[in-house]
Amino acid sequence: MHASPLLGPVVALIAWTLVMWTWMYLTRIPAIRRLRMRLDPNAPRGEQMSTLPPKVRWKADNYNHLMEQPTIWYALVLVLAITGDTSPWSLWLAWSYVALRVAHSLVQALLNVIELRFALFFLSTLPLIALTWRAAVRVW
C-alpha cells in the first residue's frame, strides 16, 4: 500500500509544531531561571507566564496557535487522503497551508508584527477554505 502524498504536509506541520514546542522551552526555561520564578500551581492559568519577556511569550503564543486552526486542516487533509484524493491541486493547497503557517510562526516568534501575522493568517485560511470545499465535494 502506498501512502497518500497528502500525508507529507501533515507530517511536515506536525514536525514544525514540534520545532516550535522545542523553541518555546529552549527560551522559556532559561527565562524562568533568570527571573528566579517560583512556579505556583495555584496561580490563575497564564498569570505567571505573562510576566515573562514578550520575546519569550511569543513562542508559546505561536505554539498555542498551532493547536487551534490547524486542527481543522489536519482533519480536512486526512478526509481527502482517506477518500483517495490524489490531485495536484489538493497537494498544492495542503503544502501552501503549511508554508503559510511556518511563515506565520516565524513572524510571530521573531518580530510579532500583528498586521503581518494577520495577513499570513488570512492567506493561510484561503487554502483551508478551498480544501474544505474539495472535501465537501468528495464526501457529499
Protein backbone atom coordinates (compact mmCIF):
# COMPACT_ATOMS: atom_id res chain seq x y z
CA MET A 1 0.00 0.00 0.00
CA HIS A 2 1.29 3.45 -0.92
CA ALA A 3 0.79 6.36 1.43
CA SER A 4 -1.18 9.31 0.12
CA PRO A 5 1.03 12.23 -0.93
CA LEU A 6 -1.28 14.39 1.21
CA LEU A 7 0.26 12.85 4.32
CA GLY A 8 3.56 14.64 3.59
CA PRO A 9 2.24 18.08 4.51
CA VAL A 10 0.54 16.59 7.59
CA VAL A 11 3.83 15.18 8.87
CA ALA A 12 5.61 18.42 7.95
CA LEU A 13 3.22 20.58 10.00
CA ILE A 14 3.46 18.17 12.93
CA ALA A 15 7.27 18.35 12.71
CA TRP A 16 7.11 22.16 12.56
CA THR A 17 4.83 22.21 15.61
CA LEU A 18 7.43 20.17 17.48
CA VAL A 19 10.13 22.62 16.38
CA MET A 20 8.05 25.42 17.90
CA TRP A 21 7.50 23.35 21.07
CA THR A 22 11.27 22.91 21.39
CA TRP A 23 11.96 26.58 20.70
CA MET A 24 9.33 27.56 23.27
CA TYR A 25 11.01 25.56 26.03
CA LEU A 26 14.54 26.49 24.99
CA THR A 27 13.58 30.12 25.62
CA ARG A 28 11.04 29.72 28.42
CA ILE A 29 13.05 27.58 30.85
CA PRO A 30 16.14 29.84 30.82
CA ALA A 31 13.88 32.90 31.26
CA ILE A 32 12.14 31.31 34.24
CA ARG A 33 15.52 30.53 35.78
CA ARG A 34 16.90 34.00 35.03
CA LEU A 35 13.89 35.62 36.71
CA ARG A 36 14.07 33.11 39.59
CA MET A 37 10.34 32.47 39.19
CA ARG A 38 8.70 30.19 41.72
CA LEU A 39 6.06 28.27 39.80
CA ASP A 40 2.79 28.34 41.69
CA PRO A 41 0.23 25.65 40.79
CA ASN A 42 -2.48 27.76 42.45
CA ALA A 43 -1.90 30.85 40.31
CA PRO A 44 -4.58 31.53 37.69
CA ARG A 45 -3.78 29.97 34.32
CA GLY A 46 -1.30 32.07 32.37
CA GLU A 47 -0.72 34.61 35.11
CA GLN A 48 2.87 33.63 35.85
CA MET A 49 3.86 33.13 32.23
CA SER A 50 2.54 36.61 31.43
CA THR A 51 5.42 38.02 33.48
CA LEU A 52 7.98 36.55 31.08
CA PRO A 53 9.56 38.86 28.49
CA PRO A 54 7.47 39.27 25.32
CA LYS A 55 10.05 37.60 23.05
CA VAL A 56 9.79 34.50 25.25
CA ARG A 57 5.98 34.54 25.33
CA TRP A 58 5.70 34.89 21.54
CA LYS A 59 7.00 31.34 21.02
CA ALA A 60 4.41 29.91 23.43
CA ASP A 61 1.67 32.01 21.85
CA ASN A 62 2.56 30.61 18.46
CA TYR A 63 2.71 27.04 19.72
CA ASN A 64 -0.83 27.55 21.07
CA HIS A 65 -1.92 28.94 17.69
CA LEU A 66 -0.62 25.76 16.06
CA MET A 67 -3.09 23.87 18.26
CA GLU A 68 -6.04 25.94 17.02
CA GLN A 69 -6.94 26.40 13.33
CA PRO A 70 -4.53 23.72 12.08
CA THR A 71 -6.64 21.07 13.81
CA ILE A 72 -9.32 21.74 11.18
CA TRP A 73 -6.70 21.49 8.45
CA TYR A 74 -5.46 18.13 9.77
CA ALA A 75 -8.99 16.73 9.68
CA LEU A 76 -9.61 18.04 6.15
CA VAL A 77 -6.37 16.70 4.73
CA LEU A 78 -6.97 13.33 6.35
CA VAL A 79 -10.50 13.22 4.89
CA LEU A 80 -9.05 13.94 1.46
CA ALA A 81 -6.35 11.28 1.90
CA ILE A 82 -8.84 8.67 3.14
CA THR A 83 -11.19 9.36 0.24
CA GLY A 84 -8.34 8.84 -2.23
CA ASP A 85 -7.78 12.41 -3.40
CA THR A 86 -4.50 12.41 -5.33
CA SER A 87 -4.99 15.68 -7.19
CA PRO A 88 -2.04 18.03 -7.55
CA TRP A 89 -4.41 20.89 -6.63
CA SER A 90 -5.17 19.42 -3.18
CA LEU A 91 -1.49 18.69 -2.63
CA TRP A 92 -0.57 22.27 -3.59
CA LEU A 93 -3.24 23.67 -1.25
CA ALA A 94 -2.03 21.48 1.61
CA TRP A 95 1.61 22.49 1.15
CA SER A 96 0.58 26.15 0.76
CA TYR A 97 -1.14 25.99 4.12
CA VAL A 98 1.99 24.51 5.73
CA ALA A 99 4.26 27.14 4.19
CA LEU A 100 2.00 29.99 5.30
CA ARG A 101 1.75 28.59 8.85
CA VAL A 102 5.54 28.27 9.07
CA ALA A 103 5.87 31.87 7.85
CA HIS A 104 3.25 32.93 10.43
CA SER A 105 5.22 31.15 13.16
CA LEU A 106 8.48 32.83 12.22
CA VAL A 107 6.88 36.28 12.10
CA GLN A 108 5.20 35.76 15.46
CA ALA A 109 8.20 34.20 17.18
CA LEU A 110 10.76 36.71 15.92
CA LEU A 111 9.02 40.03 15.21
CA ASN A 112 5.39 39.74 16.25
CA VAL A 113 4.22 42.37 13.78
CA ILE A 114 0.47 41.93 14.20
CA GLU A 115 -0.52 43.26 10.78
CA LEU A 116 1.88 40.88 9.04
CA ARG A 117 0.78 37.98 11.25
CA PHE A 118 -2.85 38.71 10.40
CA ALA A 119 -2.07 38.85 6.67
CA LEU A 120 -0.38 35.45 6.85
CA PHE A 121 -3.21 34.04 8.95
CA PHE A 122 -5.76 35.35 6.45
CA LEU A 123 -3.81 33.98 3.49
CA SER A 124 -3.47 30.57 5.18
CA THR A 125 -7.24 30.49 5.63
CA LEU A 126 -7.75 30.63 1.86
CA PRO A 127 -6.27 27.16 1.18
CA LEU A 128 -8.20 25.94 4.21
CA ILE A 129 -11.45 27.15 2.63
CA ALA A 130 -10.52 25.58 -0.71
CA LEU A 131 -9.66 22.27 0.98
CA THR A 132 -12.98 22.38 2.81
CA TRP A 133 -14.80 22.77 -0.49
CA ARG A 134 -12.80 19.90 -2.04
CA ALA A 135 -13.52 17.63 0.94
CA ALA A 136 -17.22 18.51 0.87
CA VAL A 137 -17.44 17.62 -2.81
CA ARG A 138 -15.77 14.25 -2.13
CA VAL A 139 -17.95 13.21 0.81
CA TRP A 140 -21.32 14.57 -0.34
